[in-house]
Amino acid sequence: MFREISYTVEDAIAVIMLNRPERMNALTKVLEAEVHAAMEQANHDNHVRAIILTGAGKAFCAGMDMDELEVLPPGDIREQEWMRPFDMNRRADYQTRYSYFPAIEKPVISAINGAAAGLGLIMALYSDFRIASQTAVFATAFAKRGLIAEHGIAWILPRVVGHANAIDLLLTSRKIDAQEARAIGLVHTITPPDKLLDEAKALARMLSEDVSPRSLRIMKKQLWEAPYQTLGDAVASANHEMYHSLLSDDFKEGVAHFKEKRKANFTGR
């Protein structure tokens, strides 16, 4: 089904692996389309509760494939065929070419096994969790290619690492290692290279088994909607969602498993 990624589902966890290791998993039109299709497939699979995105070989994603970038026509950025809306009732801001990860109802975990540059860094930024190998390196890269802060990175990067760090990373295009990435809040945790996927799966398993998928779905939406809301809007929205939470099966199960001192059996309803 897929040519440039692999897609597997096990124990309610979907793993999407970029699979062009000989090219450091650099993005092509095929790879980009396949990631989108796999994300959509995972989102609509009722058995999947968490999604891991990672890369084969020594890199996460080194950005756009230079062979394609070299001949990329300027009009490509306006190519509507590449920007089909994600098939969900979500904010239009999260329906663009790379910003659609927040529109996915399930948590997306980027397991960053090596270089994450340019568009690779953008995919990681739009993920909900970022776990990095000790060998991971990060760079925006755009200024060194004569490009600009594309696909919303000027919006998302300061929200993750703060304005000062975003200015530094964007204008200098310098590489930073996993330790610095952790220090500025770009990644949540760092692991040895041989433990990276295990750590990502452990997090995904916890999210799949220990907490309500309904709660995750609603809270993820709340967090990604918050930048567009006033405090009053956020409180009103939370009150609305709380009302429906109190009527949900997962709320009843959340109380029952706590009182009965047993493992939860959430259904997402």
Protein backbone atom coordinates (compact mmCIF):
# COMPACT_ATOMS: atom_id res chain seq x y z
CA MET A 1 0.00 0.00 0.00
CA PHE A 2 2.81 2.43 0.90
CA ARG A 3 6.09 2.96 -0.97
CA GLU A 4 8.05 5.43 1.15
CA ILE A 5 6.71 4.80 4.65
CA SER A 6 5.83 1.75 6.70
CA TYR A 7 2.61 1.59 8.69
CA THR A 8 1.94 -0.89 11.48
CA VAL A 9 -0.65 -1.18 14.25
CA GLU A 10 -0.03 -3.14 17.43
CA ASP A 11 -1.65 -2.89 20.87
CA ALA A 12 -3.75 0.14 19.84
CA ILE A 13 -0.59 2.00 18.70
CA ALA A 14 -0.04 3.02 15.09
CA VAL A 15 3.59 3.48 14.06
CA ILE A 16 4.28 5.54 10.94
CA MET A 17 7.93 5.21 9.90
CA LEU A 18 9.44 7.40 7.22
CA ASN A 19 11.32 4.89 5.11
CA ARG A 20 13.88 6.56 2.89
CA PRO A 21 16.96 6.00 5.08
CA GLU A 22 19.36 6.34 2.15
CA ARG A 23 18.09 9.94 1.74
CA MET A 24 17.78 10.70 5.47
CA ASN A 25 13.99 10.37 5.05
CA ALA A 26 13.89 13.60 3.08
CA LEU A 27 10.38 14.53 1.97
CA THR A 28 9.07 13.89 -1.51
CA LYS A 29 5.56 14.37 -2.85
CA VAL A 30 5.02 10.64 -2.44
CA LEU A 31 6.29 10.56 1.14
CA GLU A 32 4.25 13.59 2.14
CA ALA A 33 1.07 12.14 0.65
CA GLU A 34 1.67 8.79 2.33
CA VAL A 35 2.18 10.35 5.76
CA HIS A 36 -1.11 12.22 5.32
CA ALA A 37 -2.92 9.04 4.25
CA ALA A 38 -1.48 7.02 7.14
CA MET A 39 -2.41 9.71 9.67
CA GLU A 40 -5.94 9.76 8.34
CA GLN A 41 -6.12 5.96 8.41
CA ALA A 42 -4.92 5.85 12.02
CA ASN A 43 -7.34 8.57 13.02
CA HIS A 44 -10.33 6.70 11.64
CA ASP A 45 -9.26 3.30 13.03
CA ASN A 46 -11.27 2.77 16.22
CA HIS A 47 -8.63 0.32 17.49
CA VAL A 48 -5.86 2.97 17.38
CA ARG A 49 -5.53 5.25 20.39
CA ALA A 50 -2.09 6.80 19.84
CA ILE A 51 0.18 7.47 16.86
CA ILE A 52 3.99 7.41 16.70
CA LEU A 53 5.88 9.13 13.88
CA THR A 54 9.54 8.21 13.46
CA GLY A 55 12.22 7.63 10.83
CA ALA A 56 14.12 4.62 9.55
CA GLY A 57 17.90 4.64 9.81
CA LYS A 58 19.89 7.52 11.27
CA ALA A 59 17.56 10.45 10.54
CA PHE A 60 14.06 11.51 11.50
CA CYS A 61 13.56 13.74 8.45
CA ALA A 62 16.19 15.99 6.91
CA GLY A 63 13.63 18.26 5.25
CA MET A 64 12.60 18.45 1.60
CA ASP A 65 14.54 16.20 -0.75
CA MET A 66 17.09 18.48 -2.42
CA ASP A 67 16.50 16.90 -5.83
CA GLU A 68 12.84 17.93 -5.64
CA LEU A 69 13.57 21.28 -3.97
CA GLU A 70 15.99 22.25 -6.72
CA VAL A 71 13.28 22.03 -9.41
CA LEU A 72 10.35 23.10 -7.23
CA PRO A 73 8.28 25.71 -9.10
CA PRO A 74 7.31 28.81 -7.07
CA GLY A 75 3.64 28.07 -7.70
CA ASP A 76 3.94 24.78 -5.84
CA ILE A 77 3.26 26.51 -2.53
CA ARG A 78 -0.21 27.37 -3.83
CA GLU A 79 -0.87 23.86 -5.14
CA GLN A 80 -4.34 23.05 -3.82
CA GLU A 81 -3.99 19.38 -4.73
CA TRP A 82 -1.36 19.09 -1.99
CA MET A 83 -3.53 20.89 0.53
CA ARG A 84 -6.67 18.80 0.68
CA PRO A 85 -8.41 19.51 3.99
CA PHE A 86 -8.07 16.83 6.62
CA ASP A 87 -11.37 14.99 6.77
CA MET A 88 -12.49 16.29 10.15
CA ASN A 89 -14.60 19.00 11.72
CA ARG A 90 -11.67 21.11 12.88
CA ARG A 91 -10.41 24.68 12.72
CA ALA A 92 -9.34 25.78 9.23
CA ASP A 93 -5.91 26.78 10.60
CA TYR A 94 -5.22 23.07 11.12
CA GLN A 95 -6.23 22.04 7.61
CA THR A 96 -3.13 23.16 5.73
CA ARG A 97 -0.29 21.22 4.19
CA TYR A 98 1.69 20.51 7.38
CA SER A 99 -0.45 21.92 10.18
CA TYR A 100 -3.00 19.10 10.16
CA PHE A 101 -1.51 17.05 13.02
CA PRO A 102 -3.52 19.07 15.60
CA ALA A 103 -6.70 18.14 13.71
CA ILE A 104 -6.07 14.47 14.42
CA GLU A 105 -8.14 13.41 17.41
CA LYS A 106 -5.50 11.08 18.83
CA PRO A 107 -2.16 12.02 20.41
CA VAL A 108 0.72 12.18 17.93
CA ILE A 109 4.18 11.32 19.30
CA SER A 110 7.27 12.19 17.27
CA ALA A 111 10.11 9.79 18.13
CA ILE A 112 13.03 11.78 16.78
CA ASN A 113 15.82 9.33 16.04
CA GLY A 114 18.25 11.67 14.28
CA ALA A 115 18.31 14.83 12.20
CA ALA A 116 15.07 16.85 12.19
CA ALA A 117 15.58 19.78 9.86
CA GLY A 118 13.32 22.10 7.91
CA LEU A 119 10.07 20.32 7.20
CA GLY A 120 11.14 17.49 9.49
CA LEU A 121 11.30 19.96 12.37
CA ILE A 122 7.92 21.37 11.36
CA MET A 123 6.29 17.92 11.57
CA ALA A 124 7.80 17.41 15.01
CA LEU A 125 6.55 20.82 16.19
CA TYR A 126 2.95 20.07 15.17
CA SER A 127 3.09 16.78 17.12
CA ASP A 128 1.74 16.58 20.67
CA PHE A 129 4.82 14.90 22.16
CA ARG A 130 8.47 14.96 21.09
CA ILE A 131 10.87 12.29 22.37
CA ALA A 132 14.43 12.58 21.09
CA SER A 133 17.33 10.20 20.82
CA GLN A 134 20.58 11.40 22.38
CA THR A 135 21.92 11.54 18.80
CA ALA A 136 19.13 13.80 17.47
CA VAL A 137 19.99 17.20 16.01
CA PHE A 138 17.63 20.02 15.05
CA ALA A 139 17.82 22.92 12.61
CA THR A 140 15.36 25.20 10.86
CA ALA A 141 17.66 25.32 7.78
CA PHE A 142 15.52 27.79 5.81
CA ALA A 143 17.83 30.82 5.96
CA LYS A 144 20.72 28.72 4.67
CA ARG A 145 18.64 27.78 1.62
CA GLY A 146 17.52 31.32 0.82
CA LEU A 147 14.00 30.51 2.04
CA ILE A 148 11.75 31.92 4.76
CA ALA A 149 9.97 30.58 7.85
CA GLU A 150 7.48 28.43 5.99
CA HIS A 151 4.34 26.45 6.77
CA GLY A 152 3.55 28.26 10.01
CA ILE A 153 6.82 27.61 11.84
CA ALA A 154 6.97 31.34 12.73
CA TRP A 155 3.70 30.76 14.61
CA ILE A 156 4.33 27.36 16.23
CA LEU A 157 8.05 27.59 17.11
CA PRO A 158 7.75 30.59 19.50
CA ARG A 159 4.84 28.86 21.21
CA VAL A 160 7.04 25.84 21.89
CA VAL A 161 10.42 27.41 22.72
CA GLY A 162 9.66 31.12 23.28
CA HIS A 163 10.26 34.13 21.04
CA ALA A 164 13.96 34.61 21.81
CA ASN A 165 14.85 31.00 21.06
CA ALA A 166 12.69 31.03 17.92
CA ILE A 167 14.51 34.13 16.63
CA ASP A 168 17.84 32.41 17.28
CA LEU A 169 16.92 29.13 15.59
CA LEU A 170 15.23 30.72 12.57
CA LEU A 171 17.66 33.53 11.76
CA THR A 172 20.89 31.61 12.37
CA SER A 173 19.75 28.20 11.07
CA ARG A 174 22.31 26.74 13.47
CA LYS A 175 22.11 23.12 14.54
CA ILE A 176 21.33 22.25 18.14
CA ASP A 177 21.75 18.89 19.83
CA ALA A 178 19.24 16.96 21.91
CA GLN A 179 20.50 18.41 25.20
CA GLU A 180 19.98 22.00 24.07
CA ALA A 181 16.63 21.06 22.52
CA ARG A 182 15.54 19.69 25.90
CA ALA A 183 16.81 22.79 27.72
CA ILE A 184 14.70 25.16 25.60
CA GLY A 185 11.61 22.94 25.71
CA LEU A 186 11.74 21.76 22.11
CA VAL A 187 11.59 18.11 23.21
CA HIS A 188 9.97 16.54 26.25
CA THR A 189 12.50 13.79 26.99
CA ILE A 190 15.79 12.34 25.72
CA THR A 191 16.59 8.64 25.51
CA PRO A 192 19.48 6.43 24.39
CA PRO A 193 19.16 5.63 20.68
CA ASP A 194 18.39 1.96 21.25
CA LYS A 195 15.59 2.83 23.71
CA LEU A 196 13.84 5.52 21.67
CA LEU A 197 11.05 3.49 20.09
CA ASP A 198 10.51 1.56 23.33
CA GLU A 199 10.09 4.85 25.22
CA ALA A 200 7.69 6.19 22.59
CA LYS A 201 5.66 2.98 22.72
CA ALA A 202 5.60 3.06 26.52
CA LEU A 203 4.14 6.57 26.40
CA ALA A 204 1.68 5.56 23.69
CA ARG A 205 0.66 2.49 25.70
CA MET A 206 0.05 4.58 28.80
CA LEU A 207 -2.10 6.98 26.78
CA SER A 208 -3.93 4.01 25.27
CA GLU A 209 -4.62 2.09 28.46
CA ASP A 210 -4.55 4.35 31.52
CA VAL A 211 -6.54 7.41 30.50
CA SER A 212 -9.82 8.08 28.74
CA PRO A 213 -9.52 8.41 24.95
CA ARG A 214 -12.53 10.70 25.09
CA SER A 215 -10.72 12.96 27.58
CA LEU A 216 -7.60 12.95 25.38
CA ARG A 217 -9.64 13.86 22.32
CA ILE A 218 -11.37 16.78 24.00
CA MET A 219 -8.31 18.09 25.85
CA LYS A 220 -6.16 17.97 22.71
CA LYS A 221 -8.82 20.05 20.94
CA GLN A 222 -8.95 22.49 23.88
CA LEU A 223 -5.18 22.97 23.88
CA TRP A 224 -4.92 23.60 20.15
CA GLU A 225 -7.96 25.90 20.16
CA ALA A 226 -6.67 27.99 23.09
CA PRO A 227 -4.35 30.28 21.05
CA TYR A 228 -7.42 31.65 19.27
CA GLN A 229 -9.57 32.14 22.39
CA THR A 230 -9.95 34.68 25.16
CA LEU A 231 -9.92 33.32 28.70
CA GLY A 232 -13.68 33.77 28.77
CA ASP A 233 -14.05 31.75 25.58
CA ALA A 234 -11.86 28.99 26.99
CA VAL A 235 -13.85 28.83 30.24
CA ALA A 236 -17.18 28.78 28.40
CA SER A 237 -15.94 26.01 26.11
CA ALA A 238 -14.63 24.03 29.08
CA ASN A 239 -17.96 24.34 30.89
CA HIS A 240 -19.76 23.05 27.81
CA GLU A 241 -17.37 20.11 27.48
CA MET A 242 -17.52 19.36 31.22
CA TYR A 243 -21.29 19.02 31.05
CA HIS A 244 -20.98 16.38 28.34
CA SER A 245 -18.08 14.66 30.13
CA LEU A 246 -20.23 14.15 33.21
CA LEU A 247 -22.77 12.33 31.03
CA SER A 248 -20.18 10.13 29.28
CA ASP A 249 -19.48 6.42 29.73
CA ASP A 250 -15.79 7.18 30.31
CA PHE A 251 -16.62 9.40 33.29
CA LYS A 252 -18.67 6.58 34.82
CA GLU A 253 -15.83 4.16 34.20
CA GLY A 254 -13.30 6.64 35.60
CA VAL A 255 -15.17 6.75 38.91
CA ALA A 256 -15.91 3.00 38.95
CA HIS A 257 -12.36 1.76 38.36
CA PHE A 258 -11.02 4.14 41.03
CA LYS A 259 -13.55 3.00 43.64
CA GLU A 260 -13.16 -0.67 42.73
CA LYS A 261 -9.34 -0.42 42.64
CA ARG A 262 -9.02 -2.09 39.25
CA LYS A 263 -7.59 -1.27 35.84
CA ALA A 264 -9.72 1.07 33.77
CA ASN A 265 -11.64 -0.14 30.74
CA PHE A 266 -12.35 3.06 28.86
CA THR A 267 -14.30 2.92 25.60
CA GLY A 268 -13.91 6.50 24.42
CA ARG A 269 -17.64 7.13 24.67
